[in-house]
N, C-alpha and C. Protein backbone atom coordinates (compact mmCIF):
# COMPACT_ATOMS: atom_id res chain seq x y z
N UNK A 1 270.03 -7.91 67.86
CA UNK A 1 268.80 -8.50 67.06
C UNK A 1 269.72 -9.39 66.00
N UNK A 2 269.11 -9.92 65.39
CA UNK A 2 269.53 -11.14 64.18
C UNK A 2 269.62 -10.50 63.06
N UNK A 3 268.81 -9.56 62.74
CA UNK A 3 268.66 -8.55 61.91
C UNK A 3 270.04 -8.17 60.91
N UNK A 4 270.09 -7.43 62.75
CA UNK A 4 271.90 -6.50 62.35
C UNK A 4 272.98 -7.52 61.95
N UNK A 5 272.67 -8.89 61.40
CA UNK A 5 273.90 -9.81 61.57
C UNK A 5 273.43 -10.50 60.45
N UNK A 6 272.43 -10.29 60.04
CA UNK A 6 271.99 -10.43 58.21
C UNK A 6 272.76 -9.53 57.64
N UNK A 7 272.39 -7.87 57.98
CA UNK A 7 272.61 -7.44 57.14
C UNK A 7 274.12 -6.83 56.77
N UNK A 8 274.77 -7.47 58.24
CA UNK A 8 276.78 -7.29 58.01
C UNK A 8 276.88 -8.88 57.31
N UNK A 9 276.37 -9.24 57.24
CA UNK A 9 276.75 -10.86 56.54
C UNK A 9 276.43 -10.31 54.75
N UNK A 10 275.55 -9.55 54.96
CA UNK A 10 275.28 -8.70 53.39
C UNK A 10 276.62 -7.74 52.90
N UNK A 11 277.32 -7.41 53.77
CA UNK A 11 277.87 -6.32 53.35
C UNK A 11 277.64 -5.20 54.04
N UNK A 12 276.44 -4.60 54.11
CA UNK A 12 275.57 -3.72 54.41
C UNK A 12 275.22 -2.94 53.41
N UNK A 13 273.83 -3.48 52.42
CA UNK A 13 273.54 -3.63 51.02
C UNK A 13 273.21 -1.86 51.20
N UNK A 14 272.67 -0.71 50.28
CA UNK A 14 272.02 0.06 50.29
C UNK A 14 270.48 -0.43 50.02
N UNK A 15 270.38 -1.54 49.71
CA UNK A 15 268.56 -1.56 49.68
C UNK A 15 268.11 -2.58 50.82
N UNK A 16 268.85 -2.75 51.75
CA UNK A 16 268.84 -3.50 52.83
C UNK A 16 268.17 -2.86 53.93
N UNK A 17 267.20 -2.85 54.61
CA UNK A 17 267.01 -2.14 55.85
C UNK A 17 265.83 -2.73 56.71
N UNK A 18 266.08 -3.03 57.62
CA UNK A 18 264.75 -3.28 58.96
C UNK A 18 264.40 -1.47 59.65
N UNK A 19 262.82 -0.94 59.31
CA UNK A 19 262.01 0.03 59.32
C UNK A 19 261.34 -0.68 60.93
N UNK A 20 260.87 0.09 61.77
CA UNK A 20 259.81 0.30 62.70
C UNK A 20 258.68 1.54 62.65
N UNK A 21 257.63 1.11 63.40
CA UNK A 21 257.04 2.55 63.38
C UNK A 21 255.42 1.79 64.83
N UNK A 22 255.30 2.75 65.60
CA UNK A 22 253.95 2.22 66.07
C UNK A 22 252.90 2.58 65.66
N UNK A 23 252.15 1.70 65.83
CA UNK A 23 250.44 1.57 64.77
C UNK A 23 249.67 2.30 65.72
N UNK A 24 248.85 2.59 65.12
CA UNK A 24 247.21 3.17 65.95
C UNK A 24 247.15 2.07 66.84
N UNK A 25 247.03 0.98 67.21
CA UNK A 25 247.01 0.38 68.06
C UNK A 25 248.05 0.34 68.79
N UNK A 26 249.13 0.50 68.76
CA UNK A 26 250.01 0.97 69.95
C UNK A 26 251.06 -0.35 69.89
N UNK A 27 250.85 -0.81 69.14
CA UNK A 27 251.83 -2.21 68.74
C UNK A 27 252.83 -1.53 67.52
N UNK A 28 254.21 -2.26 67.62
CA UNK A 28 254.85 -2.40 67.27
C UNK A 28 255.19 -2.98 65.86
N UNK A 29 255.52 -1.49 64.73
CA UNK A 29 255.28 -2.65 63.42
C UNK A 29 256.62 -2.53 62.69
N UNK A 30 257.46 -3.94 62.34
CA UNK A 30 258.53 -4.18 61.97
C UNK A 30 258.37 -3.96 60.00
N UNK A 31 259.42 -2.90 59.08
CA UNK A 31 258.94 -3.66 57.78
C UNK A 31 260.68 -3.65 57.35
N UNK A 32 260.25 -4.87 56.39
CA UNK A 32 262.09 -5.17 55.96
C UNK A 32 261.98 -4.64 54.40
N UNK A 33 262.81 -4.42 54.06
CA UNK A 33 262.90 -3.95 52.77
C UNK A 33 263.06 -5.40 52.02
N UNK A 34 262.81 -5.28 50.75
CA UNK A 34 262.55 -6.46 49.77
C UNK A 34 264.57 -6.85 49.83
N UNK A 35 265.40 -6.33 49.76
CA UNK A 35 266.84 -5.98 49.66
C UNK A 35 266.88 -7.15 51.09
N UNK A 36 266.01 -7.35 52.42
CA UNK A 36 266.38 -7.91 53.56
C UNK A 36 266.05 -9.52 52.72
N UNK A 37 265.03 -10.13 52.30
CA UNK A 37 264.63 -11.17 51.36
C UNK A 37 265.80 -12.39 51.35
N UNK A 38 266.69 -12.38 50.58
CA UNK A 38 267.53 -12.96 49.82
C UNK A 38 268.92 -13.58 51.52
N UNK A 39 268.79 -12.75 52.66
CA UNK A 39 269.96 -12.95 53.62
C UNK A 39 268.93 -13.12 54.94
N UNK A 40 267.73 -12.91 55.40
CA UNK A 40 267.05 -13.06 56.46
C UNK A 40 265.54 -13.97 56.09
N UNK A 41 265.18 -14.86 54.77
CA UNK A 41 263.82 -15.00 54.55
C UNK A 41 263.70 -15.64 55.91
N UNK A 42 264.56 -16.67 56.16
CA UNK A 42 263.66 -17.66 57.48
C UNK A 42 263.93 -16.85 58.72
N UNK A 43 264.65 -15.68 59.03
CA UNK A 43 263.78 -14.75 60.66
C UNK A 43 262.51 -14.45 59.75
N UNK A 44 262.39 -13.94 58.69
CA UNK A 44 261.17 -13.34 58.11
C UNK A 44 260.37 -13.85 58.33
N UNK A 45 259.82 -15.31 57.38
CA UNK A 45 259.18 -16.73 58.19
C UNK A 45 258.81 -16.47 59.31
N UNK A 46 259.86 -16.82 60.22
CA UNK A 46 259.85 -16.86 62.04
C UNK A 46 258.67 -16.06 62.33
N UNK A 47 259.22 -14.78 62.06
CA UNK A 47 258.11 -13.60 62.65
C UNK A 47 256.55 -13.33 62.02
N UNK A 48 256.43 -14.51 60.71
CA UNK A 48 255.22 -14.23 59.91
C UNK A 48 255.64 -12.67 59.22
N UNK A 49 256.15 -12.51 58.49
CA UNK A 49 256.17 -11.23 57.95
C UNK A 49 255.67 -11.38 56.76
N UNK A 50 254.72 -10.51 55.90
CA UNK A 50 253.61 -10.40 54.63
C UNK A 50 254.27 -9.77 53.99
N UNK A 51 254.47 -9.78 52.81
CA UNK A 51 254.17 -8.68 51.82
C UNK A 51 253.33 -7.19 52.25
N UNK A 52 254.06 -6.05 52.31
CA UNK A 52 252.96 -5.34 51.57
C UNK A 52 253.73 -3.96 50.72
N UNK A 53 252.73 -2.75 50.78
CA UNK A 53 253.56 -1.37 50.21
C UNK A 53 254.08 -0.26 51.59
N UNK A 54 255.08 -0.05 50.89
CA UNK A 54 256.06 0.69 51.97
C UNK A 54 255.02 1.61 52.80
N UNK A 55 255.71 1.74 53.99
CA UNK A 55 254.70 2.63 54.66
C UNK A 55 255.25 3.72 54.45
N UNK A 56 254.45 4.65 54.94
CA UNK A 56 254.54 6.33 55.32
C UNK A 56 255.83 6.70 56.19
N UNK A 57 256.58 7.24 55.47
CA UNK A 57 257.85 8.00 56.62
C UNK A 57 257.37 8.27 57.89
N UNK A 58 256.52 8.93 57.89
CA UNK A 58 256.58 9.67 59.11
C UNK A 58 256.42 8.50 60.38
N UNK A 59 256.90 9.02 61.27
CA UNK A 59 257.10 7.91 62.41
C UNK A 59 257.63 6.86 62.18
N UNK A 60 258.87 6.37 61.28
CA UNK A 60 259.67 5.39 60.56
C UNK A 60 260.96 5.28 61.65
N UNK A 61 261.70 4.91 62.01
CA UNK A 61 262.74 4.65 62.80
C UNK A 61 263.65 3.15 62.27
N UNK A 62 264.81 3.66 62.24
CA UNK A 62 265.56 3.66 61.37
C UNK A 62 265.87 1.77 62.71
N UNK A 63 266.31 0.68 62.17
CA UNK A 63 266.63 -0.16 63.11
C UNK A 63 268.03 -0.81 62.75
N UNK A 64 267.71 -1.31 61.64
CA UNK A 64 268.90 -1.93 60.78
C UNK A 64 268.99 -1.48 59.56
N UNK A 65 270.27 -0.97 59.30
CA UNK A 65 270.78 -0.38 57.97
C UNK A 65 271.03 1.29 57.93
N UNK A 66 270.84 1.87 56.71
CA UNK A 66 271.55 3.03 56.10
C UNK A 66 270.89 4.53 56.47
N UNK A 67 271.02 5.04 57.64
CA UNK A 67 269.71 5.85 57.51
C UNK A 67 269.88 6.79 56.17
N UNK A 68 270.96 7.41 55.44
CA UNK A 68 270.46 7.87 54.23
C UNK A 68 269.69 7.30 53.28
N UNK A 69 269.11 5.81 53.18
CA UNK A 69 268.91 5.23 51.97
C UNK A 69 267.35 5.18 52.71
N UNK A 70 267.00 5.47 53.66
CA UNK A 70 265.66 5.27 53.69
C UNK A 70 264.40 5.70 52.82
N UNK A 71 265.01 7.19 52.38
CA UNK A 71 264.06 8.05 51.59
C UNK A 71 263.75 6.51 49.73
N UNK A 72 265.13 6.25 49.78
CA UNK A 72 264.80 5.62 48.05
C UNK A 72 264.37 4.28 48.63
N UNK A 73 265.16 3.86 49.73
CA UNK A 73 263.86 2.64 49.97
C UNK A 73 262.22 2.64 50.12
N UNK A 74 261.40 3.73 50.20
CA UNK A 74 260.31 4.01 50.50
C UNK A 74 259.97 4.33 49.16
N UNK A 75 260.60 4.57 48.28
CA UNK A 75 260.38 5.15 47.03
C UNK A 75 259.76 6.50 46.62
N UNK A 76 260.85 7.36 47.63
CA UNK A 76 260.43 9.25 47.73
C UNK A 76 259.42 8.84 48.72
N UNK A 77 258.70 8.12 49.39
CA UNK A 77 257.20 8.42 50.18
C UNK A 77 257.77 9.17 51.44
């Protein structure tokens, strides 16, 4: 996945993550932290990413990033 290359190129900062969750409609949703934007803007645009509020923590899976940083990235959610 190209996002892991962006994470590695950025030297794995704590504010950078890609998360996923299954929506009620069965579709998998992906959430990129704001820290991902400077490193993966072209990819985010290609995938049609839109700004949104942080997702609920329940059901989230870490795709790229540091496991211990999820709570901080979600603002304590």
